[in-house]
């Protein structure tokens, strides 16, 4: 019998990743609205007649029921709770990248309801397959801020307001400094920082420099192990 305090019923989730476990089961990494990132075992999910077979699909808002006190919970049921999102092509690669970022950066069972809602919003944007680079920049920035990593955009490391026509060196864990005062980090213009702070990415230079900045920050917080999705991007683009 399942203890009531260990069973979570009809929780909103997204599937981040699945991989085989033993002969007939799957381990699934889930991103849940109320419990953060969790791992579950879907027993028998690889059997042809399993009710879980075909349900563990990424990029779809689902409802799941699971139980357990250990690190890996037991999945009991999963159901559709929204319309099917058709994410394909370049948007599909973006989705894989976002999922891997969450797996790598979000601590297990650390609740982030605002991040879940922003993830849900981003999945709907990916289905439209429009302005994917901008969608990624917005998600990357939101992810770092929700996880508590400071990404100062309006003030330099001394608390002085960013000036649009001035160049800065942006260093992880410190923020922007006047370019004449340090060689650490990456160079970025003040307008790009202010545009990002105002959620404005229309300018070509802002799109280019915001991508360089977020790539630098993401790599810093990920550490030495590269993202598998980045390798996939590189192989497909041939650069």
Protein backbone atom coordinates (compact mmCIF):
# COMPACT_ATOMS: atom_id res chain seq x y z
CA UNK A 1 0.00 0.00 0.00
CA UNK A 2 1.31 3.47 -0.93
CA UNK A 3 1.68 5.90 1.94
CA UNK A 4 -0.46 8.99 1.32
CA UNK A 5 2.37 11.38 2.12
CA UNK A 6 4.65 9.91 -0.53
CA UNK A 7 2.15 9.82 -3.39
CA UNK A 8 1.91 12.84 -5.67
CA UNK A 9 -1.17 12.76 -7.87
CA UNK A 10 -1.97 14.51 -11.15
CA UNK A 11 1.05 16.80 -11.02
CA UNK A 12 1.87 19.02 -14.00
CA UNK A 13 5.14 17.85 -15.58
CA UNK A 14 7.31 17.89 -18.66
CA UNK A 15 9.52 14.98 -19.67
CA UNK A 16 13.13 16.15 -20.00
CA UNK A 17 14.82 12.85 -20.92
CA UNK A 18 14.32 9.08 -20.79
CA UNK A 19 16.72 6.15 -20.96
CA UNK A 20 16.34 2.37 -20.73
CA UNK A 21 16.48 0.62 -17.37
CA UNK A 22 16.86 -3.14 -17.20
CA UNK A 23 14.94 -5.11 -19.81
CA UNK A 24 11.51 -3.52 -19.88
CA UNK A 25 11.58 -0.26 -17.92
CA UNK A 26 12.59 3.37 -18.40
CA UNK A 27 14.09 6.03 -16.15
CA UNK A 28 12.57 9.43 -16.88
CA UNK A 29 13.82 12.83 -15.82
CA UNK A 30 10.77 15.03 -15.19
CA UNK A 31 10.40 18.75 -14.60
CA UNK A 32 7.40 19.21 -12.31
CA UNK A 33 5.66 22.44 -11.39
CA UNK A 34 5.47 21.76 -7.65
CA UNK A 35 8.46 19.49 -7.00
CA UNK A 36 11.13 20.62 -9.45
CA UNK A 37 13.29 18.10 -11.27
CA UNK A 38 12.68 14.50 -10.27
CA UNK A 39 13.66 11.06 -11.54
CA UNK A 40 11.08 8.30 -11.86
CA UNK A 41 11.15 4.68 -12.96
CA UNK A 42 8.44 3.72 -15.41
CA UNK A 43 8.20 0.00 -14.79
CA UNK A 44 7.43 -2.05 -17.88
CA UNK A 45 7.18 1.06 -20.07
CA UNK A 46 9.08 -0.62 -22.88
CA UNK A 47 6.58 -3.47 -23.14
CA UNK A 48 4.31 -3.21 -26.20
CA UNK A 49 1.10 -3.17 -24.14
CA UNK A 50 2.28 -0.81 -21.41
CA UNK A 51 -0.11 2.07 -20.67
CA UNK A 52 2.97 4.29 -20.23
CA UNK A 53 4.36 3.42 -23.65
CA UNK A 54 4.20 6.43 -25.95
CA UNK A 55 3.19 8.81 -23.16
CA UNK A 56 6.67 9.82 -22.02
CA UNK A 57 7.16 12.42 -24.74
CA UNK A 58 9.23 15.57 -24.36
CA UNK A 59 7.88 19.09 -24.95
CA UNK A 60 4.31 18.12 -23.96
CA UNK A 61 2.47 19.30 -20.86
CA UNK A 62 1.39 16.16 -18.99
CA UNK A 63 -0.05 15.10 -15.66
CA UNK A 64 1.74 12.39 -13.69
CA UNK A 65 1.24 10.41 -10.52
CA UNK A 66 4.23 8.96 -8.67
CA UNK A 67 5.30 7.85 -5.21
CA UNK A 68 8.45 7.14 -3.26
CA UNK A 69 10.88 8.66 -0.78
CA UNK A 70 14.10 7.66 -2.54
CA UNK A 71 15.92 9.66 -5.19
CA UNK A 72 14.21 7.66 -7.95
CA UNK A 73 10.42 7.60 -7.53
CA UNK A 74 7.96 5.11 -9.03
CA UNK A 75 5.76 6.43 -11.83
CA UNK A 76 2.18 5.10 -11.66
CA UNK A 77 0.29 7.03 -14.28
CA UNK A 78 0.72 9.75 -16.90
CA UNK A 79 -1.92 11.55 -18.97
CA UNK A 80 -2.23 14.29 -21.59
CA UNK A 81 -3.57 17.58 -20.22
CA UNK A 82 -3.01 19.99 -23.11
CA UNK A 83 -3.02 20.00 -26.91
CA UNK A 84 -0.12 18.26 -28.65
CA UNK A 85 2.75 20.62 -29.48
CA UNK A 86 4.42 19.84 -32.79
CA UNK A 87 8.04 20.84 -32.13
CA UNK A 88 10.35 19.95 -35.01
CA UNK A 89 13.38 21.02 -37.02
CA UNK A 90 15.50 23.75 -35.45
CA UNK A 91 12.94 24.21 -32.68
CA UNK A 92 13.40 20.56 -31.72
CA UNK A 93 17.14 21.10 -31.27
CA UNK A 94 16.41 24.16 -29.15
CA UNK A 95 14.10 22.06 -27.00
CA UNK A 96 16.78 19.42 -26.46
CA UNK A 97 19.21 22.17 -25.47
CA UNK A 98 16.77 23.71 -22.97
CA UNK A 99 16.00 20.31 -21.44
CA UNK A 100 19.69 19.53 -21.01
CA UNK A 101 20.29 22.89 -19.36
CA UNK A 102 17.61 22.11 -16.78
CA UNK A 103 19.02 18.64 -16.13
CA UNK A 104 22.54 20.01 -15.72
CA UNK A 105 21.82 23.18 -13.73
CA UNK A 106 18.62 22.62 -11.74
CA UNK A 107 19.24 20.76 -8.46
CA UNK A 108 17.05 17.71 -7.93
CA UNK A 109 13.74 18.35 -6.13
CA UNK A 110 14.33 22.12 -5.99
CA UNK A 111 10.97 23.76 -6.72
CA UNK A 112 10.87 26.62 -9.23
CA UNK A 113 7.27 27.28 -10.20
CA UNK A 114 8.06 30.53 -12.08
CA UNK A 115 10.71 28.72 -14.11
CA UNK A 116 8.21 25.95 -14.89
CA UNK A 117 5.71 28.51 -16.18
CA UNK A 118 8.40 30.19 -18.29
CA UNK A 119 9.43 26.78 -19.66
CA UNK A 120 5.78 26.11 -20.57
CA UNK A 121 5.61 29.49 -22.32
CA UNK A 122 8.85 28.76 -24.19
CA UNK A 123 7.57 25.40 -25.46
CA UNK A 124 4.61 27.15 -27.07
CA UNK A 125 7.01 29.58 -28.75
CA UNK A 126 9.14 26.71 -30.06
CA UNK A 127 6.09 25.21 -31.74
CA UNK A 128 5.64 28.45 -33.71
CA UNK A 129 9.28 28.16 -34.87
CA UNK A 130 9.75 31.96 -34.93
CA UNK A 131 12.67 33.95 -33.47
CA UNK A 132 14.21 30.86 -31.89
CA UNK A 133 17.48 32.61 -30.97
CA UNK A 134 15.59 35.27 -29.05
CA UNK A 135 13.52 32.60 -27.28
CA UNK A 136 16.73 30.86 -26.21
CA UNK A 137 18.30 34.08 -24.89
CA UNK A 138 15.22 34.82 -22.85
CA UNK A 139 15.09 31.31 -21.41
CA UNK A 140 18.83 31.20 -20.61
CA UNK A 141 18.66 34.51 -18.77
CA UNK A 142 15.49 33.54 -16.92
CA UNK A 143 17.00 30.19 -15.94
CA UNK A 144 20.16 31.73 -14.45
CA UNK A 145 18.20 34.39 -12.60
CA UNK A 146 15.71 31.86 -11.19
CA UNK A 147 18.56 29.67 -9.99
CA UNK A 148 20.04 32.59 -8.07
CA UNK A 149 22.96 33.43 -10.35
CA UNK A 150 23.22 37.20 -10.55
CA UNK A 151 23.30 38.55 -14.09
CA UNK A 152 23.55 42.33 -13.56
CA UNK A 153 22.54 44.26 -16.66
CA UNK A 154 21.70 47.79 -15.51
CA UNK A 155 24.67 48.52 -13.24
CA UNK A 156 28.40 47.76 -13.35
CA UNK A 157 30.27 46.03 -10.54
CA UNK A 158 30.66 49.35 -8.71
CA UNK A 159 26.94 50.13 -8.79
CA UNK A 160 27.24 52.73 -11.55
CA UNK A 161 24.48 52.84 -14.17
CA UNK A 162 25.32 51.22 -17.50
CA UNK A 163 25.85 53.75 -20.32
CA UNK A 164 24.55 52.67 -23.72
CA UNK A 165 27.47 53.91 -25.85
CA UNK A 166 30.21 52.60 -23.56
CA UNK A 167 32.04 49.26 -23.84
CA UNK A 168 32.33 46.91 -20.86
CA UNK A 169 34.07 43.68 -19.95
CA UNK A 170 31.54 41.24 -18.51
CA UNK A 171 32.96 38.68 -16.05
CA UNK A 172 30.94 35.83 -14.54
CA UNK A 173 30.19 36.30 -10.81
CA UNK A 174 31.13 40.01 -11.02
CA UNK A 175 29.19 41.54 -13.89
CA UNK A 176 30.24 44.38 -16.19
CA UNK A 177 33.29 46.58 -15.65
CA UNK A 178 34.61 49.44 -17.73
CA UNK A 179 36.70 47.96 -20.53
CA UNK A 180 39.70 50.06 -19.55
CA UNK A 181 39.84 48.58 -16.05
CA UNK A 182 40.08 44.83 -16.75
CA UNK A 183 40.83 42.30 -19.44
CA UNK A 184 38.83 39.49 -17.82
CA UNK A 185 35.56 38.22 -19.28
CA UNK A 186 34.10 39.17 -22.66
CA UNK A 187 33.58 42.57 -24.24
CA UNK A 188 30.05 43.84 -24.64
CA UNK A 189 28.50 47.23 -25.32
CA UNK A 190 26.25 48.98 -22.83
CA UNK A 191 23.31 49.11 -25.23
CA UNK A 192 23.23 45.31 -25.41
CA UNK A 193 23.10 45.05 -21.62
CA UNK A 194 20.31 47.62 -21.40
CA UNK A 195 18.40 45.94 -24.22
CA UNK A 196 18.59 42.61 -22.39
CA UNK A 197 17.47 44.25 -19.15
CA UNK A 198 14.45 45.64 -21.02
CA UNK A 199 13.78 42.32 -22.81
CA UNK A 200 14.41 43.94 -26.19
CA UNK A 201 16.32 41.79 -28.69
CA UNK A 202 15.33 43.29 -32.03
CA UNK A 203 18.72 44.90 -32.84
CA UNK A 204 21.13 42.63 -34.75
CA UNK A 205 24.05 43.62 -32.52
CA UNK A 206 22.03 42.87 -29.40
CA UNK A 207 21.16 39.42 -30.74
CA UNK A 208 24.80 38.66 -31.53
CA UNK A 209 26.30 39.99 -28.30
CA UNK A 210 23.57 38.56 -26.05
CA UNK A 211 24.28 35.13 -27.57
CA UNK A 212 28.00 35.55 -26.86
CA UNK A 213 27.31 36.68 -23.30
CA UNK A 214 24.88 33.89 -22.47
CA UNK A 215 27.16 31.26 -24.03
CA UNK A 216 30.00 32.53 -21.85
CA UNK A 217 27.88 32.52 -18.67
CA UNK A 218 26.26 29.14 -19.34
CA UNK A 219 29.65 27.54 -20.00
CA UNK A 220 31.00 29.08 -16.80
CA UNK A 221 28.24 27.60 -14.64
CA UNK A 222 28.20 24.24 -16.42
CA UNK A 223 31.91 23.63 -15.83
CA UNK A 224 34.16 21.42 -17.93
CA UNK A 225 31.60 18.91 -19.21
CA UNK A 226 30.14 20.11 -22.56
CA UNK A 227 26.48 19.81 -23.47
CA UNK A 228 25.52 16.89 -25.72
CA UNK A 229 22.93 19.09 -27.43
CA UNK A 230 25.65 21.61 -28.32
CA UNK A 231 27.57 18.86 -30.09
CA UNK A 232 24.40 18.02 -32.01
CA UNK A 233 23.98 21.66 -33.05
CA UNK A 234 27.58 21.76 -34.25
CA UNK A 235 27.34 18.50 -36.21
CA UNK A 236 24.17 19.59 -38.00
CA UNK A 237 25.38 23.12 -38.75
CA UNK A 238 28.83 21.91 -39.77
CA UNK A 239 30.74 24.45 -37.70
